């Protein structure tokens, strides 16, 4: 019931025509506001709590967080390094789950060949590092092309390919892998669609929108 109280505050659920229970308290609203506005902190705290509960039950996190056992040389950087690793791993898991581990441009469905791509870069927006609406599931190739601005996704969810790529029409692989998706709409995820404001910022950053 507590979860359904919180779900009544979720705009994504409301946009789908659903609603939770109407008994959300002032504390529920405060908790929702605190964590919904800071996905990075939420991921770190939830990972810490999950680890505590797993330890109490004699479980390990090797399957979920395989890279936490790496050695660290300096105590001061250990917590920060762990938090980054946890959050990157959690972000990847949430984006792949949201998109069914399928590239939203090509439809490629192989979790070893797709990445969780940030729309707003990890380094530029601390509050939205873990926000699933700041992520796209892209093939390794399209992730790289998106990251360096050779492709973007417009606020209407259509792919735009840079004119730089269109200058090489003789490249058959380029046509098949990238150019043919120009103006095609992406495959939308099950729950958290990419935020049009974030997509607009990416498109402006690389000159697709003036």
Protein backbone atom coordinates (compact mmCIF):
# COMPACT_ATOMS: atom_id res chain seq x y z
CA UNK A 1 0.00 0.00 0.00
CA UNK A 2 2.90 2.34 0.68
CA UNK A 3 4.23 1.73 -2.82
CA UNK A 4 0.83 2.44 -4.35
CA UNK A 5 0.63 5.65 -2.28
CA UNK A 6 3.95 6.68 -3.79
CA UNK A 7 2.87 5.62 -7.26
CA UNK A 8 0.05 8.18 -7.07
CA UNK A 9 2.78 10.83 -7.14
CA UNK A 10 4.56 9.40 -10.20
CA UNK A 11 3.91 11.54 -13.32
CA UNK A 12 4.90 8.64 -15.58
CA UNK A 13 2.13 6.49 -14.12
CA UNK A 14 -0.34 9.37 -14.38
CA UNK A 15 0.59 9.88 -18.05
CA UNK A 16 -0.39 6.26 -18.71
CA UNK A 17 -3.87 6.90 -17.32
CA UNK A 18 -3.17 4.96 -14.12
CA UNK A 19 -3.15 6.09 -10.53
CA UNK A 20 -2.15 4.74 -7.17
CA UNK A 21 -3.97 5.03 -3.87
CA UNK A 22 -5.09 8.46 -2.76
CA UNK A 23 -3.69 8.19 0.76
CA UNK A 24 -0.24 9.68 0.13
CA UNK A 25 0.85 11.55 3.24
CA UNK A 26 2.93 14.70 3.59
CA UNK A 27 5.89 12.47 4.41
CA UNK A 28 5.29 10.38 1.27
CA UNK A 29 5.32 13.58 -0.78
CA UNK A 30 8.50 14.77 0.91
CA UNK A 31 10.26 11.45 0.29
CA UNK A 32 9.11 11.41 -3.34
CA UNK A 33 10.26 15.00 -3.91
CA UNK A 34 13.65 14.34 -2.30
CA UNK A 35 14.52 11.30 -4.35
CA UNK A 36 12.76 12.11 -7.61
CA UNK A 37 14.81 15.31 -7.81
CA UNK A 38 18.10 13.52 -7.14
CA UNK A 39 18.32 10.13 -8.85
CA UNK A 40 22.04 9.85 -8.13
CA UNK A 41 21.57 10.01 -4.35
CA UNK A 42 18.62 7.62 -4.55
CA UNK A 43 20.69 5.03 -6.43
CA UNK A 44 23.56 5.28 -3.95
CA UNK A 45 21.30 4.97 -0.91
CA UNK A 46 19.25 2.14 -2.39
CA UNK A 47 22.41 0.23 -3.33
CA UNK A 48 23.75 0.68 0.19
CA UNK A 49 20.48 -0.50 1.76
CA UNK A 50 20.25 -3.43 -0.64
CA UNK A 51 23.79 -4.48 0.32
CA UNK A 52 22.92 -4.24 4.03
CA UNK A 53 19.80 -6.38 3.66
CA UNK A 54 21.66 -8.90 1.50
CA UNK A 55 24.39 -9.21 4.13
CA UNK A 56 21.80 -9.76 6.88
CA UNK A 57 20.37 -12.63 4.86
CA UNK A 58 23.78 -14.15 4.10
CA UNK A 59 23.58 -13.20 0.41
CA UNK A 60 26.24 -11.68 -1.80
CA UNK A 61 26.01 -9.05 -4.49
CA UNK A 62 28.39 -10.73 -6.90
CA UNK A 63 25.70 -11.28 -9.53
CA UNK A 64 24.24 -7.79 -9.34
CA UNK A 65 27.38 -5.77 -8.68
CA UNK A 66 30.34 -7.80 -9.94
CA UNK A 67 32.87 -4.98 -9.95
CA UNK A 68 32.68 -3.96 -6.27
CA UNK A 69 35.38 -6.42 -5.25
CA UNK A 70 38.11 -4.54 -7.11
CA UNK A 71 40.98 -3.39 -4.86
CA UNK A 72 41.35 0.27 -3.85
CA UNK A 73 44.60 1.92 -2.86
CA UNK A 74 43.42 4.99 -0.98
CA UNK A 75 40.65 5.11 1.60
CA UNK A 76 39.54 8.61 0.69
CA UNK A 77 38.61 7.66 -2.85
CA UNK A 78 37.14 4.27 -2.06
CA UNK A 79 33.57 5.40 -1.28
CA UNK A 80 33.43 7.70 -4.28
CA UNK A 81 34.76 4.99 -6.58
CA UNK A 82 32.24 2.46 -5.28
CA UNK A 83 29.38 4.95 -5.64
CA UNK A 84 30.32 5.68 -9.25
CA UNK A 85 30.61 1.98 -10.06
CA UNK A 86 27.31 1.16 -8.37
CA UNK A 87 25.50 4.00 -10.07
CA UNK A 88 26.87 3.24 -13.52
CA UNK A 89 25.89 -0.40 -13.11
CA UNK A 90 22.44 0.47 -11.76
CA UNK A 91 21.86 2.99 -14.56
CA UNK A 92 22.74 0.38 -17.15
CA UNK A 93 20.41 -2.17 -15.57
CA UNK A 94 17.51 0.30 -15.38
CA UNK A 95 17.92 1.47 -18.98
CA UNK A 96 18.25 -2.05 -20.40
CA UNK A 97 15.19 -3.14 -18.42
CA UNK A 98 13.26 -0.08 -19.61
CA UNK A 99 14.04 -0.81 -23.28
CA UNK A 100 13.99 -4.59 -23.06
CA UNK A 101 17.75 -4.60 -23.83
CA UNK A 102 16.89 -3.50 -27.36
CA UNK A 103 18.58 -0.66 -29.28
CA UNK A 104 15.92 2.00 -29.68
CA UNK A 105 17.20 2.93 -33.16
CA UNK A 106 17.98 -0.40 -34.81
CA UNK A 107 16.04 -2.91 -32.71
CA UNK A 108 19.23 -4.90 -32.01
CA UNK A 109 18.43 -7.13 -29.03
CA UNK A 110 21.68 -8.37 -27.54
CA UNK A 111 22.62 -7.10 -24.09
CA UNK A 112 26.32 -7.58 -24.87
CA UNK A 113 26.09 -5.24 -27.87
CA UNK A 114 24.00 -2.43 -26.42
CA UNK A 115 24.88 0.39 -24.05
CA UNK A 116 22.95 2.59 -21.67
CA UNK A 117 23.65 6.00 -23.17
CA UNK A 118 23.27 9.24 -21.24
CA UNK A 119 21.51 12.02 -23.15
CA UNK A 120 22.89 14.71 -20.86
CA UNK A 121 26.49 13.68 -20.13
CA UNK A 122 27.36 12.06 -16.79
CA UNK A 123 29.79 14.88 -16.02
CA UNK A 124 27.47 17.79 -16.82
CA UNK A 125 24.30 17.03 -14.87
CA UNK A 126 24.74 15.47 -11.44
CA UNK A 127 21.02 15.40 -10.62
CA UNK A 128 20.07 13.38 -13.70
CA UNK A 129 22.89 10.85 -13.83
CA UNK A 130 20.53 8.10 -12.70
CA UNK A 131 17.31 9.46 -14.18
CA UNK A 132 15.98 6.80 -16.59
CA UNK A 133 14.49 9.62 -18.70
CA UNK A 134 18.09 10.72 -19.32
CA UNK A 135 18.95 7.43 -21.00
CA UNK A 136 18.69 5.66 -24.32
CA UNK A 137 19.47 2.04 -25.08
CA UNK A 138 21.74 2.11 -28.13
CA UNK A 139 23.94 -0.36 -29.95
CA UNK A 140 27.64 0.12 -29.33
CA UNK A 141 28.02 1.81 -32.74
CA UNK A 142 25.05 4.13 -32.29
CA UNK A 143 26.08 4.92 -28.73
CA UNK A 144 29.43 6.17 -30.02
CA UNK A 145 27.80 8.11 -32.87
CA UNK A 146 25.36 9.71 -30.40
CA UNK A 147 28.12 10.55 -27.94
CA UNK A 148 30.16 12.49 -30.53
CA UNK A 149 27.17 14.12 -32.21
CA UNK A 150 27.04 12.23 -35.50
CA UNK A 151 23.44 11.33 -34.69
CA UNK A 152 20.86 12.71 -32.29
CA UNK A 153 17.27 12.04 -31.30
CA UNK A 154 15.03 15.05 -31.70
CA UNK A 155 12.37 16.06 -29.12
CA UNK A 156 9.73 14.37 -31.31
CA UNK A 157 11.71 11.10 -30.88
CA UNK A 158 12.95 10.99 -34.49
CA UNK A 159 16.54 10.19 -35.36
CA UNK A 160 18.61 12.86 -37.10
CA UNK A 161 21.86 11.96 -38.83
CA UNK A 162 24.60 14.56 -39.19
CA UNK A 163 25.14 16.02 -42.65
CA UNK A 164 28.79 15.05 -42.23
CA UNK A 165 27.82 11.41 -42.67
CA UNK A 166 25.60 12.12 -45.67
CA UNK A 167 28.67 13.43 -47.52
CA UNK A 168 29.88 9.86 -48.02
CA UNK A 169 27.05 8.22 -49.98
CA UNK A 170 29.43 5.66 -51.49
CA UNK A 171 29.90 3.99 -48.11
CA UNK A 172 27.39 1.12 -48.19
CA UNK A 173 27.92 0.22 -44.53
CA UNK A 174 27.26 3.83 -43.53
CA UNK A 175 24.00 3.75 -45.46
CA UNK A 176 22.88 0.49 -43.86
CA UNK A 177 24.01 1.22 -40.30
CA UNK A 178 23.26 4.94 -39.93
CA UNK A 179 21.89 6.91 -42.87
CA UNK A 180 18.79 4.78 -43.38
CA UNK A 181 17.53 5.65 -39.90
CA UNK A 182 17.39 9.40 -40.59
CA UNK A 183 13.93 10.75 -39.65
CA UNK A 184 12.84 7.33 -38.33
CA UNK A 185 11.12 7.29 -34.95
CA UNK A 186 12.89 5.43 -32.15
CA UNK A 187 11.40 2.40 -30.42
CA UNK A 188 9.86 3.79 -27.25
CA UNK A 189 10.54 2.08 -23.91
CA UNK A 190 8.01 0.36 -21.68
CA UNK A 191 7.93 3.00 -18.94
CA UNK A 192 10.30 5.96 -18.85
CA UNK A 193 10.47 7.67 -22.23
CA UNK A 194 13.39 10.02 -22.91
CA UNK A 195 12.70 13.55 -21.70
CA UNK A 196 12.17 15.86 -24.72
CA UNK A 197 14.00 18.66 -22.87
CA UNK A 198 17.09 16.47 -22.57
CA UNK A 199 16.86 15.46 -26.23
CA UNK A 200 16.58 19.11 -27.26
CA UNK A 201 19.68 19.97 -25.22
CA UNK A 202 21.66 17.21 -26.98
CA UNK A 203 20.44 18.31 -30.41
CA UNK A 204 21.36 21.93 -29.68
CA UNK A 205 24.75 20.96 -28.33
CA UNK A 206 25.69 19.39 -31.67
CA UNK A 207 24.01 21.91 -33.94
CA UNK A 208 20.95 19.94 -35.05
CA UNK A 209 18.80 22.74 -33.58
CA UNK A 210 19.94 26.32 -33.91
